[in-house]
């Protein structure tokens, strides 16, 4: 199984990228993990067209049989332990999984319709780069929970 995070935009602030890279490296000890960043649709920023352009780019990166998990504010909110259980089910299926984080305008209806699951990182509104960090940390935490390691206390 391969696990990927597909995300719109880069961390130009430099605040989050080092931590995301650290957790991505740690995740690599447990499974095949990849972070894929796609460009924001700057030309049409703030319009529905921007979401559609970003969605087209994200969908083009998906494998035909890859399970799509959309990170959306209206998605299911899980505890860390419940999220670990969800990751366990993905591992048992052996199907590649892509978790998708949209840009500042969110995800398009077309992408949400294609999603196999919708999860919320938080009910708080988070900067998308921060949401990416939280997601990657929670993926790492899930793997340590599944392995019975002491990271999750």
C-alpha atoms as a PDB file:
ATOM      1  CA  UNK A   1       0.000   0.000   0.000  1.00  0.00           C
ATOM      2  CA  UNK A   2       1.133   3.497  -0.819  1.00  0.00           C
ATOM      3  CA  UNK A   3      -0.136   6.507   1.112  1.00  0.00           C
ATOM      4  CA  UNK A   4       0.014   9.962  -0.431  1.00  0.00           C
ATOM      5  CA  UNK A   5      -0.968  13.451   0.618  1.00  0.00           C
ATOM      6  CA  UNK A   6      -1.895  15.619  -2.361  1.00  0.00           C
ATOM      7  CA  UNK A   7      -1.959  19.287  -1.439  1.00  0.00           C
ATOM      8  CA  UNK A   8      -2.474  22.583  -3.205  1.00  0.00           C
ATOM      9  CA  UNK A   9       0.275  25.162  -2.736  1.00  0.00           C
ATOM     10  CA  UNK A  10       3.677  25.330  -1.102  1.00  0.00           C
ATOM     11  CA  UNK A  11       4.730  26.626   2.308  1.00  0.00           C
ATOM     12  CA  UNK A  12       6.463  29.821   1.288  1.00  0.00           C
ATOM     13  CA  UNK A  13       6.637  30.988   4.918  1.00  0.00           C
ATOM     14  CA  UNK A  14       9.054  28.232   5.889  1.00  0.00           C
ATOM     15  CA  UNK A  15       7.154  27.665   9.135  1.00  0.00           C
ATOM     16  CA  UNK A  16       5.566  24.306   8.434  1.00  0.00           C
ATOM     17  CA  UNK A  17       7.673  22.630   5.730  1.00  0.00           C
ATOM     18  CA  UNK A  18      10.482  21.427   8.053  1.00  0.00           C
ATOM     19  CA  UNK A  19       8.000  19.734  10.392  1.00  0.00           C
ATOM     20  CA  UNK A  20       6.041  18.206   7.495  1.00  0.00           C
ATOM     21  CA  UNK A  21       9.291  16.850   6.057  1.00  0.00           C
ATOM     22  CA  UNK A  22      10.270  15.383   9.430  1.00  0.00           C
ATOM     23  CA  UNK A  23       6.964  13.539   9.831  1.00  0.00           C
ATOM     24  CA  UNK A  24       7.072  12.413   6.195  1.00  0.00           C
ATOM     25  CA  UNK A  25      10.521  10.928   6.843  1.00  0.00           C
ATOM     26  CA  UNK A  26       9.241   9.158   9.957  1.00  0.00           C
ATOM     27  CA  UNK A  27       6.239   7.789   8.048  1.00  0.00           C
ATOM     28  CA  UNK A  28       8.619   6.309   5.495  1.00  0.00           C
ATOM     29  CA  UNK A  29       9.734   3.821   8.157  1.00  0.00           C
ATOM     30  CA  UNK A  30       6.253   2.298   8.227  1.00  0.00           C
ATOM     31  CA  UNK A  31       4.955   2.480   4.668  1.00  0.00           C
ATOM     32  CA  UNK A  32       5.462   4.017   1.256  1.00  0.00           C
ATOM     33  CA  UNK A  33       4.592   7.688   1.764  1.00  0.00           C
ATOM     34  CA  UNK A  34       4.690  10.598  -0.629  1.00  0.00           C
ATOM     35  CA  UNK A  35       3.760  14.263  -0.372  1.00  0.00           C
ATOM     36  CA  UNK A  36       2.672  15.764  -3.695  1.00  0.00           C
ATOM     37  CA  UNK A  37       2.253  19.518  -3.980  1.00  0.00           C
ATOM     38  CA  UNK A  38       0.407  21.106  -6.897  1.00  0.00           C
ATOM     39  CA  UNK A  39       0.306  24.778  -7.825  1.00  0.00           C
ATOM     40  CA  UNK A  40      -2.465  27.096  -6.752  1.00  0.00           C
ATOM     41  CA  UNK A  41      -4.722  28.513  -9.448  1.00  0.00           C
ATOM     42  CA  UNK A  42      -3.541  32.072  -8.903  1.00  0.00           C
ATOM     43  CA  UNK A  43      -5.023  33.515 -12.072  1.00  0.00           C
ATOM     44  CA  UNK A  44      -8.569  32.861 -10.868  1.00  0.00           C
ATOM     45  CA  UNK A  45      -7.962  32.981  -7.094  1.00  0.00           C
ATOM     46  CA  UNK A  46     -11.127  33.378  -5.047  1.00  0.00           C
ATOM     47  CA  UNK A  47     -13.438  32.154  -7.813  1.00  0.00           C
ATOM     48  CA  UNK A  48     -15.170  28.815  -8.385  1.00  0.00           C
ATOM     49  CA  UNK A  49     -12.965  28.450 -11.465  1.00  0.00           C
ATOM     50  CA  UNK A  50      -9.883  28.321  -9.204  1.00  0.00           C
ATOM     51  CA  UNK A  51     -11.307  25.327  -7.327  1.00  0.00           C
ATOM     52  CA  UNK A  52     -12.123  23.613 -10.622  1.00  0.00           C
ATOM     53  CA  UNK A  53      -8.614  24.178 -12.003  1.00  0.00           C
ATOM     54  CA  UNK A  54      -7.008  22.890  -8.807  1.00  0.00           C
ATOM     55  CA  UNK A  55      -9.371  19.904  -8.773  1.00  0.00           C
ATOM     56  CA  UNK A  56      -8.437  19.019 -12.359  1.00  0.00           C
ATOM     57  CA  UNK A  57      -4.753  19.098 -11.415  1.00  0.00           C
ATOM     58  CA  UNK A  58      -5.339  17.007  -8.281  1.00  0.00           C
ATOM     59  CA  UNK A  59      -7.529  14.453 -10.070  1.00  0.00           C
ATOM     60  CA  UNK A  60      -4.907  14.088 -12.815  1.00  0.00           C
ATOM     61  CA  UNK A  61      -2.421  13.023 -10.117  1.00  0.00           C
ATOM     62  CA  UNK A  62      -4.682  10.214  -8.841  1.00  0.00           C
ATOM     63  CA  UNK A  63      -4.242   6.622  -9.842  1.00  0.00           C
ATOM     64  CA  UNK A  64      -7.291   4.967 -11.389  1.00  0.00           C
ATOM     65  CA  UNK A  65      -7.755   2.625  -8.412  1.00  0.00           C
ATOM     66  CA  UNK A  66      -6.447   4.952  -5.707  1.00  0.00           C
ATOM     67  CA  UNK A  67      -8.799   5.587  -2.796  1.00  0.00           C
ATOM     68  CA  UNK A  68      -9.503   9.314  -2.523  1.00  0.00           C
ATOM     69  CA  UNK A  69      -9.953  10.781   0.947  1.00  0.00           C
ATOM     70  CA  UNK A  70     -10.925  14.452   0.792  1.00  0.00           C
ATOM     71  CA  UNK A  71     -10.007  16.661   3.728  1.00  0.00           C
ATOM     72  CA  UNK A  72     -13.018  18.910   4.080  1.00  0.00           C
ATOM     73  CA  UNK A  73     -14.445  21.007   6.900  1.00  0.00           C
ATOM     74  CA  UNK A  74     -17.759  19.123   6.568  1.00  0.00           C
ATOM     75  CA  UNK A  75     -16.104  15.716   6.689  1.00  0.00           C
ATOM     76  CA  UNK A  76     -16.169  13.184   9.492  1.00  0.00           C
ATOM     77  CA  UNK A  77     -14.133  14.233  12.503  1.00  0.00           C
ATOM     78  CA  UNK A  78     -12.204  11.421  14.199  1.00  0.00           C
ATOM     79  CA  UNK A  79     -10.132  11.023  17.348  1.00  0.00           C
ATOM     80  CA  UNK A  80      -6.518   9.982  16.864  1.00  0.00           C
ATOM     81  CA  UNK A  81      -7.365   6.415  17.933  1.00  0.00           C
ATOM     82  CA  UNK A  82     -10.327   6.235  15.530  1.00  0.00           C
ATOM     83  CA  UNK A  83      -8.161   7.638  12.738  1.00  0.00           C
ATOM     84  CA  UNK A  84      -5.591   4.920  13.466  1.00  0.00           C
ATOM     85  CA  UNK A  85      -8.390   2.380  13.046  1.00  0.00           C
ATOM     86  CA  UNK A  86      -9.274   3.911   9.685  1.00  0.00           C
ATOM     87  CA  UNK A  87      -5.636   3.725   8.585  1.00  0.00           C
ATOM     88  CA  UNK A  88      -5.588   0.083   9.712  1.00  0.00           C
ATOM     89  CA  UNK A  89      -8.581  -0.659   7.449  1.00  0.00           C
ATOM     90  CA  UNK A  90      -6.803   1.024   4.526  1.00  0.00           C
ATOM     91  CA  UNK A  91      -3.714  -1.100   5.209  1.00  0.00           C
ATOM     92  CA  UNK A  92      -5.799  -4.282   5.369  1.00  0.00           C
ATOM     93  CA  UNK A  93      -7.378  -3.497   1.992  1.00  0.00           C
ATOM     94  CA  UNK A  94      -3.938  -2.980   0.465  1.00  0.00           C
ATOM     95  CA  UNK A  95      -5.341  -0.233  -1.727  1.00  0.00           C
ATOM     96  CA  UNK A  96      -3.314   2.914  -2.391  1.00  0.00           C
ATOM     97  CA  UNK A  97      -4.775   5.949  -0.612  1.00  0.00           C
ATOM     98  CA  UNK A  98      -4.523   9.647  -1.479  1.00  0.00           C
ATOM     99  CA  UNK A  99      -5.552  12.210   1.114  1.00  0.00           C
ATOM    100  CA  UNK A 100      -6.309  15.506  -0.625  1.00  0.00           C
ATOM    101  CA  UNK A 101      -6.066  19.001   0.857  1.00  0.00           C
ATOM    102  CA  UNK A 102      -7.380  21.834  -1.294  1.00  0.00           C
ATOM    103  CA  UNK A 103      -6.157  25.380  -1.562  1.00  0.00           C
ATOM    104  CA  UNK A 104      -7.474  28.432   0.227  1.00  0.00           C
ATOM    105  CA  UNK A 105     -10.719  28.223  -1.760  1.00  0.00           C
ATOM    106  CA  UNK A 106     -11.353  24.624  -0.684  1.00  0.00           C
ATOM    107  CA  UNK A 107     -12.167  21.615  -2.837  1.00  0.00           C
ATOM    108  CA  UNK A 108     -14.455  21.644  -5.855  1.00  0.00           C
ATOM    109  CA  UNK A 109     -17.810  19.847  -5.855  1.00  0.00           C
ATOM    110  CA  UNK A 110     -16.470  17.542  -8.594  1.00  0.00           C
ATOM    111  CA  UNK A 111     -13.534  16.445  -6.459  1.00  0.00           C
ATOM    112  CA  UNK A 112     -15.735  15.999  -3.388  1.00  0.00           C
ATOM    113  CA  UNK A 113     -18.130  13.884  -5.476  1.00  0.00           C
ATOM    114  CA  UNK A 114     -15.222  11.630  -6.550  1.00  0.00           C
ATOM    115  CA  UNK A 115     -14.070  11.178  -2.931  1.00  0.00           C
ATOM    116  CA  UNK A 116     -14.494   7.772  -1.326  1.00  0.00           C
ATOM    117  CA  UNK A 117     -14.372   9.385   2.112  1.00  0.00           C
ATOM    118  CA  UNK A 118     -14.458  12.890   3.555  1.00  0.00           C
ATOM    119  CA  UNK A 119     -12.586  13.655   6.766  1.00  0.00           C
ATOM    120  CA  UNK A 120     -12.175  16.874   8.728  1.00  0.00           C
ATOM    121  CA  UNK A 121      -8.821  17.768  10.232  1.00  0.00           C
ATOM    122  CA  UNK A 122     -10.578  20.076  12.697  1.00  0.00           C
ATOM    123  CA  UNK A 123     -13.699  22.181  13.048  1.00  0.00           C
ATOM    124  CA  UNK A 124     -11.336  25.136  13.432  1.00  0.00           C
ATOM    125  CA  UNK A 125     -10.435  27.000  10.275  1.00  0.00           C
ATOM    126  CA  UNK A 126      -6.742  26.268   9.764  1.00  0.00           C
ATOM    127  CA  UNK A 127      -4.192  27.643   7.345  1.00  0.00           C
ATOM    128  CA  UNK A 128      -3.903  24.969   4.666  1.00  0.00           C
ATOM    129  CA  UNK A 129      -0.197  24.531   5.333  1.00  0.00           C
ATOM    130  CA  UNK A 130      -0.954  24.013   9.013  1.00  0.00           C
ATOM    131  CA  UNK A 131      -3.687  21.490   8.135  1.00  0.00           C
ATOM    132  CA  UNK A 132      -1.089  19.618   6.080  1.00  0.00           C
ATOM    133  CA  UNK A 133       1.224  19.476   9.102  1.00  0.00           C
ATOM    134  CA  UNK A 134      -1.574  18.294  11.396  1.00  0.00           C
ATOM    135  CA  UNK A 135      -2.581  15.595   8.893  1.00  0.00           C
ATOM    136  CA  UNK A 136       0.956  14.258   8.419  1.00  0.00           C
ATOM    137  CA  UNK A 137       1.543  14.266  12.183  1.00  0.00           C
ATOM    138  CA  UNK A 138      -1.718  12.370  12.710  1.00  0.00           C
ATOM    139  CA  UNK A 139      -0.720   9.820  10.073  1.00  0.00           C
ATOM    140  CA  UNK A 140       2.540   9.281  11.935  1.00  0.00           C
ATOM    141  CA  UNK A 141       0.666   9.075  15.247  1.00  0.00           C
ATOM    142  CA  UNK A 142      -1.713   6.519  13.706  1.00  0.00           C
ATOM    143  CA  UNK A 143       1.189   4.307  12.684  1.00  0.00           C
ATOM    144  CA  UNK A 144       2.706   4.473  16.176  1.00  0.00           C
ATOM    145  CA  UNK A 145      -0.680   3.620  17.706  1.00  0.00           C
ATOM    146  CA  UNK A 146      -1.011   0.625  15.384  1.00  0.00           C
ATOM    147  CA  UNK A 147       2.500  -0.555  16.312  1.00  0.00           C
ATOM    148  CA  UNK A 148       1.971   0.003  20.039  1.00  0.00           C
ATOM    149  CA  UNK A 149       4.800   2.502  20.204  1.00  0.00           C
ATOM    150  CA  UNK A 150       4.976   5.120  22.977  1.00  0.00           C
ATOM    151  CA  UNK A 151       4.583   8.276  20.837  1.00  0.00           C
ATOM    152  CA  UNK A 152       0.816   8.412  21.486  1.00  0.00           C
ATOM    153  CA  UNK A 153       0.345   8.904  25.204  1.00  0.00           C
END
